[in-house]
Amino acid sequence: MKKRGKAAAKSAAEGNGSVNKSELIRDMKTKNPGMKVSEIVSGMKEAGHSVSQALVYQALRAGGKKRGRKKGTKVAAPKAVAPKGAFKADLFSSLQAFVNAAGSPSKAMSILKVFCE
C-alpha cells in the first residue's frame, strides 16, 4: 500500500484531472474563517463539487488540528484499589459492634472460640 501525503495528493489530483476536494475545503475555510460547515457544503455544491459534512469536518481536522486532549485538562487518576486481605470499612464496623455487644474483646474472643469448635 502506497503512503500518500499532502504533496502526493496534490500531484495525484493534478496528474489525472481530478480535484482535491479536501484542499478546496481548506482553501475556502482560510478565505472565509467564519463559515460554518453547512455553508461550506453549500458553497462547494455551487462550485460544482459534491461534498458531505463529514468530509468537511475531516478535511478541517486534517488541516492542522491535532487530536488529543485540550491543553490544561488533566487525565483522571486511576481509582485506588484496596489490597487483598485489607479490612473493609463495613466489616470493621460490624466487628466493632460485635465486640461492643459481647462486652469486651476477651469475651468476644471466647464467643468466637466456642463458635469455631
PDB file of N, CA and C in Angstrom:
ATOM      1  N   MET A   1       0.848  -1.181   0.000  1.00  0.00           N
ATOM      2  CA  MET A   1       0.000   0.000   0.000  1.00  0.00           C
ATOM      3  C   MET A   1       0.888   1.238   0.000  1.00  0.00           C
ATOM      4  N   LYS A   2       0.617   2.149  -0.868  1.00  0.00           N
ATOM      5  CA  LYS A   2       1.431   3.344  -1.046  1.00  0.00           C
ATOM      6  C   LYS A   2       0.957   4.432  -0.092  1.00  0.00           C
ATOM      7  N   LYS A   3       1.923   5.034   0.637  1.00  0.00           N
ATOM      8  CA  LYS A   3       1.578   6.127   1.541  1.00  0.00           C
ATOM      9  C   LYS A   3       1.411   7.401   0.735  1.00  0.00           C
ATOM     10  N   ARG A   4       0.410   8.180   1.125  1.00  0.00           N
ATOM     11  CA  ARG A   4       0.161   9.421   0.409  1.00  0.00           C
ATOM     12  C   ARG A   4       0.112  10.565   1.399  1.00  0.00           C
ATOM     13  N   GLY A   5       0.910  11.540   1.159  1.00  0.00           N
ATOM     14  CA  GLY A   5       0.892  12.742   1.975  1.00  0.00           C
ATOM     15  C   GLY A   5       0.197  13.861   1.244  1.00  0.00           C
ATOM     16  N   LYS A   6       0.327  15.077   1.766  1.00  0.00           N
ATOM     17  CA  LYS A   6      -0.313  16.239   1.154  1.00  0.00           C
ATOM     18  C   LYS A   6       0.247  16.493  -0.249  1.00  0.00           C
ATOM     19  N   ALA A   7       1.579  16.390  -0.384  1.00  0.00           N
ATOM     20  CA  ALA A   7       2.198  16.643  -1.682  1.00  0.00           C
ATOM     21  C   ALA A   7       1.799  15.575  -2.695  1.00  0.00           C
ATOM     22  N   ALA A   8       1.721  14.313  -2.252  1.00  0.00           N
ATOM     23  CA  ALA A   8       1.328  13.231  -3.153  1.00  0.00           C
ATOM     24  C   ALA A   8      -0.115  13.399  -3.593  1.00  0.00           C
ATOM     25  N   ALA A   9      -0.969  13.854  -2.688  1.00  0.00           N
ATOM     26  CA  ALA A   9      -2.381  14.062  -3.026  1.00  0.00           C
ATOM     27  C   ALA A   9      -2.518  15.186  -4.047  1.00  0.00           C
ATOM     28  N   LYS A  10      -1.718  16.252  -3.887  1.00  0.00           N
ATOM     29  CA  LYS A  10      -1.777  17.357  -4.843  1.00  0.00           C
ATOM     30  C   LYS A  10      -1.327  16.903  -6.228  1.00  0.00           C
ATOM     31  N   SER A  11      -0.200  16.162  -6.260  1.00  0.00           N
ATOM     32  CA  SER A  11       0.311  15.736  -7.564  1.00  0.00           C
ATOM     33  C   SER A  11      -0.635  14.735  -8.225  1.00  0.00           C
ATOM     34  N   ALA A  12      -1.272  13.896  -7.438  1.00  0.00           N
ATOM     35  CA  ALA A  12      -2.230  12.941  -7.989  1.00  0.00           C
ATOM     36  C   ALA A  12      -3.442  13.672  -8.536  1.00  0.00           C
ATOM     37  N   ALA A  13      -3.877  14.705  -7.827  1.00  0.00           N
ATOM     38  CA  ALA A  13      -5.033  15.468  -8.277  1.00  0.00           C
ATOM     39  C   ALA A  13      -4.715  16.228  -9.565  1.00  0.00           C
ATOM     40  N   GLU A  14      -3.496  16.742  -9.675  1.00  0.00           N
ATOM     41  CA  GLU A  14      -3.127  17.485 -10.871  1.00  0.00           C
ATOM     42  C   GLU A  14      -2.884  16.543 -12.050  1.00  0.00           C
ATOM     43  N   GLY A  15      -2.376  15.353 -11.758  1.00  0.00           N
ATOM     44  CA  GLY A  15      -1.996  14.430 -12.817  1.00  0.00           C
ATOM     45  C   GLY A  15      -3.151  13.821 -13.560  1.00  0.00           C
ATOM     46  N   ASN A  16      -4.239  13.468 -12.864  1.00  0.00           N
ATOM     47  CA  ASN A  16      -5.315  12.773 -13.558  1.00  0.00           C
ATOM     48  C   ASN A  16      -6.547  13.647 -13.788  1.00  0.00           C
ATOM     49  N   GLY A  17      -6.438  14.925 -13.543  1.00  0.00           N
ATOM     50  CA  GLY A  17      -7.539  15.823 -13.839  1.00  0.00           C
ATOM     51  C   GLY A  17      -8.603  15.887 -12.753  1.00  0.00           C
ATOM     52  N   SER A  18      -8.495  15.105 -11.686  1.00  0.00           N
ATOM     53  CA  SER A  18      -9.483  15.165 -10.616  1.00  0.00           C
ATOM     54  C   SER A  18      -9.139  16.310  -9.663  1.00  0.00           C
ATOM     55  N   VAL A  19     -10.077  16.667  -8.816  1.00  0.00           N
ATOM     56  CA  VAL A  19      -9.922  17.803  -7.926  1.00  0.00           C
ATOM     57  C   VAL A  19      -9.731  17.287  -6.505  1.00  0.00           C
ATOM     58  N   ASN A  20      -8.804  17.871  -5.788  1.00  0.00           N
ATOM     59  CA  ASN A  20      -8.606  17.532  -4.387  1.00  0.00           C
ATOM     60  C   ASN A  20      -9.623  18.331  -3.567  1.00  0.00           C
ATOM     61  N   LYS A  21     -10.713  17.687  -3.195  1.00  0.00           N
ATOM     62  CA  LYS A  21     -11.808  18.371  -2.515  1.00  0.00           C
ATOM     63  C   LYS A  21     -11.384  18.858  -1.134  1.00  0.00           C
ATOM     64  N   SER A  22     -10.563  18.073  -0.451  1.00  0.00           N
ATOM     65  CA  SER A  22     -10.119  18.478   0.881  1.00  0.00           C
ATOM     66  C   SER A  22      -9.332  19.778   0.815  1.00  0.00           C
ATOM     67  N   GLU A  23      -8.479  19.901  -0.181  1.00  0.00           N
ATOM     68  CA  GLU A  23      -7.701  21.122  -0.347  1.00  0.00           C
ATOM     69  C   GLU A  23      -8.614  22.302  -0.663  1.00  0.00           C
ATOM     70  N   LEU A  24      -9.633  22.077  -1.484  1.00  0.00           N
ATOM     71  CA  LEU A  24     -10.592  23.141  -1.799  1.00  0.00           C
ATOM     72  C   LEU A  24     -11.356  23.578  -0.547  1.00  0.00           C
ATOM     73  N   ILE A  25     -11.707  22.600   0.283  1.00  0.00           N
ATOM     74  CA  ILE A  25     -12.423  22.906   1.531  1.00  0.00           C
ATOM     75  C   ILE A  25     -11.537  23.755   2.439  1.00  0.00           C
ATOM     76  N   ARG A  26     -10.276  23.354   2.586  1.00  0.00           N
ATOM     77  CA  ARG A  26      -9.357  24.111   3.447  1.00  0.00           C
ATOM     78  C   ARG A  26      -9.131  25.523   2.893  1.00  0.00           C
ATOM     79  N   ASP A  27      -9.019  25.654   1.575  1.00  0.00           N
ATOM     80  CA  ASP A  27      -8.848  26.978   0.966  1.00  0.00           C
ATOM     81  C   ASP A  27     -10.063  27.861   1.232  1.00  0.00           C
ATOM     82  N   MET A  28     -11.251  27.282   1.102  1.00  0.00           N
ATOM     83  CA  MET A  28     -12.478  28.040   1.335  1.00  0.00           C
ATOM     84  C   MET A  28     -12.544  28.502   2.787  1.00  0.00           C
ATOM     85  N   LYS A  29     -12.124  27.657   3.706  1.00  0.00           N
ATOM     86  CA  LYS A  29     -12.176  27.995   5.128  1.00  0.00           C
ATOM     87  C   LYS A  29     -11.150  29.080   5.475  1.00  0.00           C
ATOM     88  N   THR A  30      -9.964  29.029   4.854  1.00  0.00           N
ATOM     89  CA  THR A  30      -8.968  30.060   5.140  1.00  0.00           C
ATOM     90  C   THR A  30      -9.390  31.414   4.569  1.00  0.00           C
ATOM     91  N   LYS A  31     -10.073  31.418   3.422  1.00  0.00           N
ATOM     92  CA  LYS A  31     -10.551  32.673   2.838  1.00  0.00           C
ATOM     93  C   LYS A  31     -11.717  33.257   3.631  1.00  0.00           C
ATOM     94  N   ASN A  32     -12.534  32.379   4.197  1.00  0.00           N
ATOM     95  CA  ASN A  32     -13.710  32.790   4.976  1.00  0.00           C
ATOM     96  C   ASN A  32     -13.700  32.060   6.314  1.00  0.00           C
ATOM     97  N   PRO A  33     -12.919  32.541   7.292  1.00  0.00           N
ATOM     98  CA  PRO A  33     -12.782  31.799   8.552  1.00  0.00           C
ATOM     99  C   PRO A  33     -14.072  31.640   9.352  1.00  0.00           C
ATOM    100  N   GLY A  34     -15.039  32.503   9.149  1.00  0.00           N
ATOM    101  CA  GLY A  34     -16.271  32.434   9.922  1.00  0.00           C
ATOM    102  C   GLY A  34     -17.320  31.498   9.340  1.00  0.00           C
ATOM    103  N   MET A  35     -17.008  30.839   8.236  1.00  0.00           N
ATOM    104  CA  MET A  35     -18.004  29.974   7.576  1.00  0.00           C
ATOM    105  C   MET A  35     -18.303  28.749   8.419  1.00  0.00           C
ATOM    106  N   LYS A  36     -19.574  28.375   8.451  1.00  0.00           N
ATOM    107  CA  LYS A  36     -19.988  27.146   9.110  1.00  0.00           C
ATOM    108  C   LYS A  36     -19.843  25.992   8.134  1.00  0.00           C
ATOM    109  N   VAL A  37     -19.883  24.782   8.657  1.00  0.00           N
ATOM    110  CA  VAL A  37     -19.722  23.590   7.829  1.00  0.00           C
ATOM    111  C   VAL A  37     -20.821  23.512   6.779  1.00  0.00           C
ATOM    112  N   SER A  38     -22.051  23.800   7.180  1.00  0.00           N
ATOM    113  CA  SER A  38     -23.160  23.732   6.218  1.00  0.00           C
ATOM    114  C   SER A  38     -22.982  24.767   5.098  1.00  0.00           C
ATOM    115  N   GLU A  39     -22.419  25.923   5.426  1.00  0.00           N
ATOM    116  CA  GLU A  39     -22.167  26.940   4.410  1.00  0.00           C
ATOM    117  C   GLU A  39     -21.072  26.490   3.446  1.00  0.00           C
ATOM    118  N   ILE A  40     -20.074  25.782   3.968  1.00  0.00           N
ATOM    119  CA  ILE A  40     -19.003  25.263   3.117  1.00  0.00           C
ATOM    120  C   ILE A  40     -19.571  24.218   2.160  1.00  0.00           C
ATOM    121  N   VAL A  41     -20.441  23.345   2.679  1.00  0.00           N
ATOM    122  CA  VAL A  41     -21.056  22.310   1.826  1.00  0.00           C
ATOM    123  C   VAL A  41     -21.853  22.957   0.708  1.00  0.00           C
ATOM    124  N   SER A  42     -22.651  23.963   1.048  1.00  0.00           N
ATOM    125  CA  SER A  42     -23.462  24.617   0.008  1.00  0.00           C
ATOM    126  C   SER A  42     -22.579  25.398  -0.964  1.00  0.00           C
ATOM    127  N   GLY A  43     -21.518  26.013  -0.492  1.00  0.00           N
ATOM    128  CA  GLY A  43     -20.606  26.726  -1.375  1.00  0.00           C
ATOM    129  C   GLY A  43     -19.881  25.796  -2.329  1.00  0.00           C
ATOM    130  N   MET A  44     -19.498  24.619  -1.830  1.00  0.00           N
ATOM    131  CA  MET A  44     -18.843  23.636  -2.697  1.00  0.00           C
ATOM    132  C   MET A  44     -19.830  23.106  -3.738  1.00  0.00           C
ATOM    133  N   LYS A  45     -21.099  22.967  -3.340  1.00  0.00           N
ATOM    134  CA  LYS A  45     -22.121  22.487  -4.277  1.00  0.00           C
ATOM    135  C   LYS A  45     -22.331  23.505  -5.395  1.00  0.00           C
ATOM    136  N   GLU A  46     -22.326  24.787  -5.033  1.00  0.00           N
ATOM    137  CA  GLU A  46     -22.474  25.842  -6.032  1.00  0.00           C
ATOM    138  C   GLU A  46     -21.289  25.851  -7.001  1.00  0.00           C
ATOM    139  N   ALA A  47     -20.109  25.466  -6.476  1.00  0.00           N
ATOM    140  CA  ALA A  47     -18.908  25.430  -7.323  1.00  0.00           C
ATOM    141  C   ALA A  47     -18.854  24.156  -8.155  1.00  0.00           C
ATOM    142  N   GLY A  48     -19.809  23.255  -7.949  1.00  0.00           N
ATOM    143  CA  GLY A  48     -19.874  22.042  -8.759  1.00  0.00           C
ATOM    144  C   GLY A  48     -19.215  20.831  -8.136  1.00  0.00           C
ATOM    145  N   HIS A  49     -18.952  20.870  -6.836  1.00  0.00           N
ATOM    146  CA  HIS A  49     -18.328  19.743  -6.142  1.00  0.00           C
ATOM    147  C   HIS A  49     -19.279  19.248  -5.059  1.00  0.00           C
ATOM    148  N   SER A  50     -19.586  17.958  -5.090  1.00  0.00           N
ATOM    149  CA  SER A  50     -20.468  17.416  -4.052  1.00  0.00           C
ATOM    150  C   SER A  50     -19.611  16.891  -2.910  1.00  0.00           C
ATOM    151  N   VAL A  51     -19.834  17.456  -1.721  1.00  0.00           N
ATOM    152  CA  VAL A  51     -19.121  17.024  -0.524  1.00  0.00           C
ATOM    153  C   VAL A  51     -20.125  16.845   0.608  1.00  0.00           C
ATOM    154  N   SER A  52     -19.787  15.992   1.544  1.00  0.00           N
ATOM    155  CA  SER A  52     -20.641  15.789   2.710  1.00  0.00           C
ATOM    156  C   SER A  52     -20.077  16.581   3.888  1.00  0.00           C
ATOM    157  N   GLN A  53     -20.904  16.742   4.911  1.00  0.00           N
ATOM    158  CA  GLN A  53     -20.437  17.435   6.108  1.00  0.00           C
ATOM    159  C   GLN A  53     -19.301  16.659   6.761  1.00  0.00           C
ATOM    160  N   ALA A  54     -19.371  15.326   6.688  1.00  0.00           N
ATOM    161  CA  ALA A  54     -18.319  14.503   7.285  1.00  0.00           C
ATOM    162  C   ALA A  54     -16.974  14.768   6.613  1.00  0.00           C
ATOM    163  N   LEU A  55     -16.976  14.915   5.295  1.00  0.00           N
ATOM    164  CA  LEU A  55     -15.736  15.210   4.572  1.00  0.00           C
ATOM    165  C   LEU A  55     -15.193  16.581   4.971  1.00  0.00           C
ATOM    166  N   VAL A  56     -16.088  17.549   5.153  1.00  0.00           N
ATOM    167  CA  VAL A  56     -15.650  18.888   5.558  1.00  0.00           C
ATOM    168  C   VAL A  56     -14.999  18.827   6.931  1.00  0.00           C
ATOM    169  N   TYR A  57     -15.651  18.150   7.875  1.00  0.00           N
ATOM    170  CA  TYR A  57     -15.074  18.015   9.216  1.00  0.00           C
ATOM    171  C   TYR A  57     -13.717  17.318   9.155  1.00  0.00           C
ATOM    172  N   GLN A  58     -13.635  16.264   8.369  1.00  0.00           N
ATOM    173  CA  GLN A  58     -12.394  15.511   8.261  1.00  0.00           C
ATOM    174  C   GLN A  58     -11.295  16.366   7.629  1.00  0.00           C
ATOM    175  N   ALA A  59     -11.617  17.110   6.590  1.00  0.00           N
ATOM    176  CA  ALA A  59     -10.622  17.941   5.913  1.00  0.00           C
ATOM    177  C   ALA A  59     -10.130  19.057   6.823  1.00  0.00           C
ATOM    178  N   LEU A  60     -11.037  19.631   7.601  1.00  0.00           N
ATOM    179  CA  LEU A  60     -10.631  20.703   8.508  1.00  0.00           C
ATOM    180  C   LEU A  60      -9.814  20.159   9.670  1.00  0.00           C
ATOM    181  N   ARG A  61     -10.132  18.951  10.123  1.00  0.00           N
ATOM    182  CA  ARG A  61      -9.348  18.336  11.195  1.00  0.00           C
ATOM    183  C   ARG A  61      -7.947  18.028  10.694  1.00  0.00           C
ATOM    184  N   ALA A  62      -7.833  17.510   9.477  1.00  0.00           N
ATOM    185  CA  ALA A  62      -6.538  17.158   8.919  1.00  0.00           C
ATOM    186  C   ALA A  62      -5.741  18.404   8.570  1.00  0.00           C
ATOM    187  N   GLY A  63      -6.391  19.533   8.482  1.00  0.00           N
ATOM    188  CA  GLY A  63      -5.724  20.756   8.078  1.00  0.00           C
ATOM    189  C   GLY A  63      -5.032  21.486   9.204  1.00  0.00           C
ATOM    190  N   GLY A  64      -4.467  20.796  10.161  1.00  0.00           N
ATOM    191  CA  GLY A  64      -3.679  21.462  11.184  1.00  0.00           C
ATOM    192  C   GLY A  64      -4.138  21.211  12.602  1.00  0.00           C
ATOM    193  N   LYS A  65      -5.354  20.768  12.769  1.00  0.00           N
ATOM    194  CA  LYS A  65      -5.813  20.489  14.128  1.00  0.00           C
ATOM    195  C   LYS A  65      -5.267  19.141  14.570  1.00  0.00           C
ATOM    196  N   LYS A  66      -4.821  19.077  15.808  1.00  0.00           N
ATOM    197  CA  LYS A  66      -4.274  17.829  16.325  1.00  0.00           C
ATOM    198  C   LYS A  66      -5.305  17.159  17.221  1.00  0.00           C
ATOM    199  N   ARG A  67      -5.257  15.861  17.236  1.00  0.00           N
ATOM    200  CA  ARG A  67      -6.147  15.115  18.114  1.00  0.00           C
ATOM    201  C   ARG A  67      -5.539  15.031  19.492  1.00  0.00           C
ATOM    202  N   GLY A  68      -6.360  14.747  20.454  1.00  0.00           N
ATOM    203  CA  GLY A  68      -5.869  14.584  21.813  1.00  0.00           C
ATOM    204  C   GLY A  68      -6.619  15.501  22.752  1.00  0.00           C
ATOM    205  N   ARG A  69      -6.221  15.480  23.983  1.00  0.00           N
ATOM    206  CA  ARG A  69      -6.931  16.291  24.957  1.00  0.00           C
ATOM    207  C   ARG A  69      -6.484  17.734  24.867  1.00  0.00           C
ATOM    208  N   LYS A  70      -7.334  18.629  25.324  1.00  0.00           N
ATOM    209  CA  LYS A  70      -7.052  20.041  25.263  1.00  0.00           C
ATOM    210  C   LYS A  70      -5.990  20.405  26.290  1.00  0.00           C
ATOM    211  N   LYS A  71      -5.262  21.454  26.012  1.00  0.00           N
ATOM    212  CA  LYS A  71      -4.215  21.908  26.898  1.00  0.00           C
ATOM    213  C   LYS A  71      -4.833  22.354  28.219  1.00  0.00           C
ATOM    214  N   GLY A  72      -4.270  21.902  29.304  1.00  0.00           N
ATOM    215  CA  GLY A  72      -4.760  22.289  30.615  1.00  0.00           C
ATOM    216  C   GLY A  72      -5.715  21.295  31.242  1.00  0.00           C
ATOM    217  N   THR A  73      -6.208  20.328  30.478  1.00  0.00           N
ATOM    218  CA  THR A  73      -7.086  19.325  31.074  1.00  0.00           C
ATOM    219  C   THR A  73      -6.238  18.230  31.680  1.00  0.00           C
ATOM    220  N   LYS A  74      -6.723  17.641  32.711  1.00  0.00           N
ATOM    221  CA  LYS A  74      -5.975  16.603  33.406  1.00  0.00           C
ATOM    222  C   LYS A  74      -6.598  15.245  33.149  1.00  0.00           C
ATOM    223  N   VAL A  75      -5.761  14.251  33.126  1.00  0.00           N
ATOM    224  CA  VAL A  75      -6.222  12.884  32.967  1.00  0.00           C
ATOM    225  C   VAL A  75      -6.639  12.387  34.340  1.00  0.00           C
ATOM    226  N   ALA A  76      -7.779  11.732  34.416  1.00  0.00           N
ATOM    227  CA  ALA A  76      -8.282  11.233  35.690  1.00  0.00           C
ATOM    228  C   ALA A  76      -7.338  10.176  36.244  1.00  0.00           C
ATOM    229  N   ALA A  77      -7.075  10.289  37.538  1.00  0.00           N
ATOM    230  CA  ALA A  77      -6.208   9.319  38.201  1.00  0.00           C
ATOM    231  C   ALA A  77      -6.966   8.006  38.371  1.00  0.00           C
ATOM    232  N   PRO A  78      -6.274   6.887  38.283  1.00  0.00           N
ATOM    233  CA  PRO A  78      -6.954   5.615  38.479  1.00  0.00           C
ATOM    234  C   PRO A  78      -7.462   5.492  39.913  1.00  0.00           C
ATOM    235  N   LYS A  79      -8.588   4.826  40.051  1.00  0.00           N
ATOM    236  CA  LYS A  79      -9.172   4.663  41.381  1.00  0.00           C
ATOM    237  C   LYS A  79      -8.312   3.733  42.222  1.00  0.00           C
ATOM    238  N   ALA A  80      -8.205   4.060  43.508  1.00  0.00           N
ATOM    239  CA  ALA A  80      -7.412   3.243  44.417  1.00  0.00           C
ATOM    240  C   ALA A  80      -8.134   1.926  44.685  1.00  0.00           C
ATOM    241  N   VAL A  81      -7.396   0.857  44.659  1.00  0.00           N
ATOM    242  CA  VAL A  81      -7.955  -0.464  44.915  1.00  0.00           C
ATOM    243  C   VAL A  81      -7.378  -0.959  46.235  1.00  0.00           C
ATOM    244  N   ALA A  82      -8.256  -1.450  47.097  1.00  0.00           N
ATOM    245  CA  ALA A  82      -7.798  -1.959  48.382  1.00  0.00           C
ATOM    246  C   ALA A  82      -6.972  -3.225  48.160  1.00  0.00           C
ATOM    247  N   PRO A  83      -5.834  -3.354  48.861  1.00  0.00           N
ATOM    248  CA  PRO A  83      -5.027  -4.560  48.704  1.00  0.00           C
ATOM    249  C   PRO A  83      -5.775  -5.789  49.192  1.00  0.00           C
ATOM    250  N   LYS A  84      -5.383  -6.952  48.665  1.00  0.00           N
ATOM    251  CA  LYS A  84      -6.035  -8.191  49.095  1.00  0.00           C
ATOM    252  C   LYS A  84      -5.816  -8.382  50.589  1.00  0.00           C
ATOM    253  N   GLY A  85      -6.840  -8.805  51.274  1.00  0.00           N
ATOM    254  CA  GLY A  85      -6.736  -9.068  52.700  1.00  0.00           C
ATOM    255  C   GLY A  85      -6.930  -7.829  53.557  1.00  0.00           C
ATOM    256  N   ALA A  86      -7.123  -6.682  52.973  1.00  0.00           N
ATOM    257  CA  ALA A  86      -7.322  -5.463  53.751  1.00  0.00           C
ATOM    258  C   ALA A  86      -8.749  -5.441  54.290  1.00  0.00           C
ATOM    259  N   PHE A  87      -8.913  -4.878  55.478  1.00  0.00           N
ATOM    260  CA  PHE A  87     -10.239  -4.776  56.069  1.00  0.00           C
ATOM    261  C   PHE A  87     -11.052  -3.736  55.327  1.00  0.00           C
ATOM    262  N   LYS A  88     -12.289  -4.056  55.106  1.00  0.00           N
ATOM    263  CA  LYS A  88     -13.196  -3.083  54.530  1.00  0.00           C
ATOM    264  C   LYS A  88     -13.892  -2.374  55.676  1.00  0.00           C
ATOM    265  N   ALA A  89     -14.333  -1.148  55.438  1.00  0.00           N
ATOM    266  CA  ALA A  89     -14.894  -0.320  56.495  1.00  0.00           C
ATOM    267  C   ALA A  89     -16.137  -0.950  57.118  1.00  0.00           C
ATOM    268  N   ASP A  90     -17.014  -1.517  56.293  1.00  0.00           N
ATOM    269  CA  ASP A  90     -18.251  -2.086  56.849  1.00  0.00           C
ATOM    270  C   ASP A  90     -17.965  -3.345  57.671  1.00  0.00           C
ATOM    271  N   LEU A  91     -16.953  -4.126  57.274  1.00  0.00           N
ATOM    272  CA  LEU A  91     -16.569  -5.307  58.039  1.00  0.00           C
ATOM    273  C   LEU A  91     -16.001  -4.898  59.392  1.00  0.00           C
ATOM    274  N   PHE A  92     -15.181  -3.862  59.379  1.00  0.00           N
ATOM    275  CA  PHE A  92     -14.579  -3.384  60.627  1.00  0.00           C
ATOM    276  C   PHE A  92     -15.647  -2.844  61.569  1.00  0.00           C
ATOM    277  N   SER A  93     -16.621  -2.109  61.050  1.00  0.00           N
ATOM    278  CA  SER A  93     -17.673  -1.575  61.914  1.00  0.00           C
ATOM    279  C   SER A  93     -18.555  -2.696  62.466  1.00  0.00           C
ATOM    280  N   SER A  94     -18.756  -3.768  61.671  1.00  0.00           N
ATOM    281  CA  SER A  94     -19.523  -4.910  62.176  1.00  0.00           C
ATOM    282  C   SER A  94     -18.768  -5.614  63.294  1.00  0.00           C
ATOM    283  N   LEU A  95     -17.469  -5.763  63.127  1.00  0.00           N
ATOM    284  CA  LEU A  95     -16.634  -6.382  64.158  1.00  0.00           C
ATOM    285  C   LEU A  95     -16.662  -5.551  65.434  1.00  0.00           C
ATOM    286  N   GLN A  96     -16.592  -4.235  65.285  1.00  0.00           N
ATOM    287  CA  GLN A  96     -16.625  -3.350  66.442  1.00  0.00           C
ATOM    288  C   GLN A  96     -17.967  -3.469  67.167  1.00  0.00           C
ATOM    289  N   ALA A  97     -19.053  -3.577  66.421  1.00  0.00           N
ATOM    290  CA  ALA A  97     -20.374  -3.729  67.028  1.00  0.00           C
ATOM    291  C   ALA A  97     -20.470  -5.064  67.774  1.00  0.00           C
ATOM    292  N   PHE A  98     -19.851  -6.133  67.208  1.00  0.00           N
ATOM    293  CA  PHE A  98     -19.853  -7.442  67.863  1.00  0.00           C
ATOM    294  C   PHE A  98     -19.094  -7.392  69.185  1.00  0.00           C
ATOM    295  N   VAL A  99     -17.920  -6.748  69.184  1.00  0.00           N
ATOM    296  CA  VAL A  99     -17.123  -6.642  70.423  1.00  0.00           C
ATOM    297  C   VAL A  99     -17.878  -5.828  71.457  1.00  0.00           C
ATOM    298  N   ASN A 100     -18.536  -4.757  71.050  1.00  0.00           N
ATOM    299  CA  ASN A 100     -19.319  -3.944  71.989  1.00  0.00           C
ATOM    300  C   ASN A 100     -20.488  -4.739  72.550  1.00  0.00           C
ATOM    301  N   ALA A 101     -21.125  -5.567  71.716  1.00  0.00           N
ATOM    302  CA  ALA A 101     -22.252  -6.374  72.183  1.00  0.00           C
ATOM    303  C   ALA A 101     -21.787  -7.451  73.155  1.00  0.00           C
ATOM    304  N   ALA A 102     -20.571  -7.989  72.942  1.00  0.00           N
ATOM    305  CA  ALA A 102     -20.035  -9.018  73.841  1.00  0.00           C
ATOM    306  C   ALA A 102     -19.616  -8.418  75.164  1.00  0.00           C
ATOM    307  N   GLY A 103     -19.256  -7.166  75.197  1.00  0.00           N
ATOM    308  CA  GLY A 103     -18.879  -6.502  76.443  1.00  0.00           C
ATOM    309  C   GLY A 103     -17.403  -6.175  76.515  1.00  0.00           C
ATOM    310  N   SER A 104     -16.546  -7.028  75.959  1.00  0.00           N
ATOM    311  CA  SER A 104     -15.108  -6.777  75.952  1.00  0.00           C
ATOM    312  C   SER A 104     -14.468  -7.629  74.864  1.00  0.00           C
ATOM    313  N   PRO A 105     -13.247  -7.299  74.466  1.00  0.00           N
ATOM    314  CA  PRO A 105     -12.581  -8.092  73.443  1.00  0.00           C
ATOM    315  C   PRO A 105     -12.334  -9.539  73.887  1.00  0.00           C
ATOM    316  N   SER A 106     -12.006  -9.725  75.155  1.00  0.00           N
ATOM    317  CA  SER A 106     -11.753 -11.099  75.626  1.00  0.00           C
ATOM    318  C   SER A 106     -13.032 -11.937  75.588  1.00  0.00           C
ATOM    319  N   LYS A 107     -14.175 -11.349  75.945  1.00  0.00           N
ATOM    320  CA  LYS A 107     -15.443 -12.078  75.876  1.00  0.00           C
ATOM    321  C   LYS A 107     -15.798 -12.390  74.414  1.00  0.00           C
ATOM    322  N   ALA A 108     -15.524 -11.448  73.542  1.00  0.00           N
ATOM    323  CA  ALA A 108     -15.782 -11.672  72.122  1.00  0.00           C
ATOM    324  C   ALA A 108     -14.925 -12.812  71.599  1.00  0.00           C
ATOM    325  N   MET A 109     -13.645 -12.895  72.035  1.00  0.00           N
ATOM    326  CA  MET A 109     -12.750 -13.976  71.621  1.00  0.00           C
ATOM    327  C   MET A 109     -13.254 -15.324  72.133  1.00  0.00           C
ATOM    328  N   SER A 110     -13.724 -15.355  73.371  1.00  0.00           N
ATOM    329  CA  SER A 110     -14.219 -16.622  73.914  1.00  0.00           C
ATOM    330  C   SER A 110     -15.480 -17.078  73.169  1.00  0.00           C
ATOM    331  N   ILE A 111     -16.335 -16.145  72.787  1.00  0.00           N
ATOM    332  CA  ILE A 111     -17.535 -16.487  71.994  1.00  0.00           C
ATOM    333  C   ILE A 111     -17.114 -17.053  70.645  1.00  0.00           C
ATOM    334  N   LEU A 112     -16.114 -16.431  70.004  1.00  0.00           N
ATOM    335  CA  LEU A 112     -15.618 -16.906  68.725  1.00  0.00           C
ATOM    336  C   LEU A 112     -14.990 -18.296  68.820  1.00  0.00           C
ATOM    337  N   LYS A 113     -14.273 -18.560  69.916  1.00  0.00           N
ATOM    338  CA  LYS A 113     -13.672 -19.885  70.109  1.00  0.00           C
ATOM    339  C   LYS A 113     -14.737 -20.952  70.210  1.00  0.00           C
ATOM    340  N   VAL A 114     -15.801 -20.653  70.950  1.00  0.00           N
ATOM    341  CA  VAL A 114     -16.914 -21.606  71.067  1.00  0.00           C
ATOM    342  C   VAL A 114     -17.598 -21.778  69.729  1.00  0.00           C
ATOM    343  N   PHE A 115     -17.754 -20.717  69.002  1.00  0.00           N
ATOM    344  CA  PHE A 115     -18.417 -20.751  67.695  1.00  0.00           C
ATOM    345  C   PHE A 115     -17.618 -21.580  66.697  1.00  0.00           C
ATOM    346  N   CYS A 116     -16.294 -21.493  66.732  1.00  0.00           N
ATOM    347  CA  CYS A 116     -15.434 -22.205  65.781  1.00  0.00           C
ATOM    348  C   CYS A 116     -15.334 -23.681  66.088  1.00  0.00           C
ATOM    349  N   GLU A 117     -15.587 -24.115  67.311  1.00  0.00           N
ATOM    350  CA  GLU A 117     -15.469 -25.523  67.670  1.00  0.00           C
ATOM    351  C   GLU A 117     -16.629 -26.363  67.218  1.00  0.00           C
TER     352      GLU A 117
END
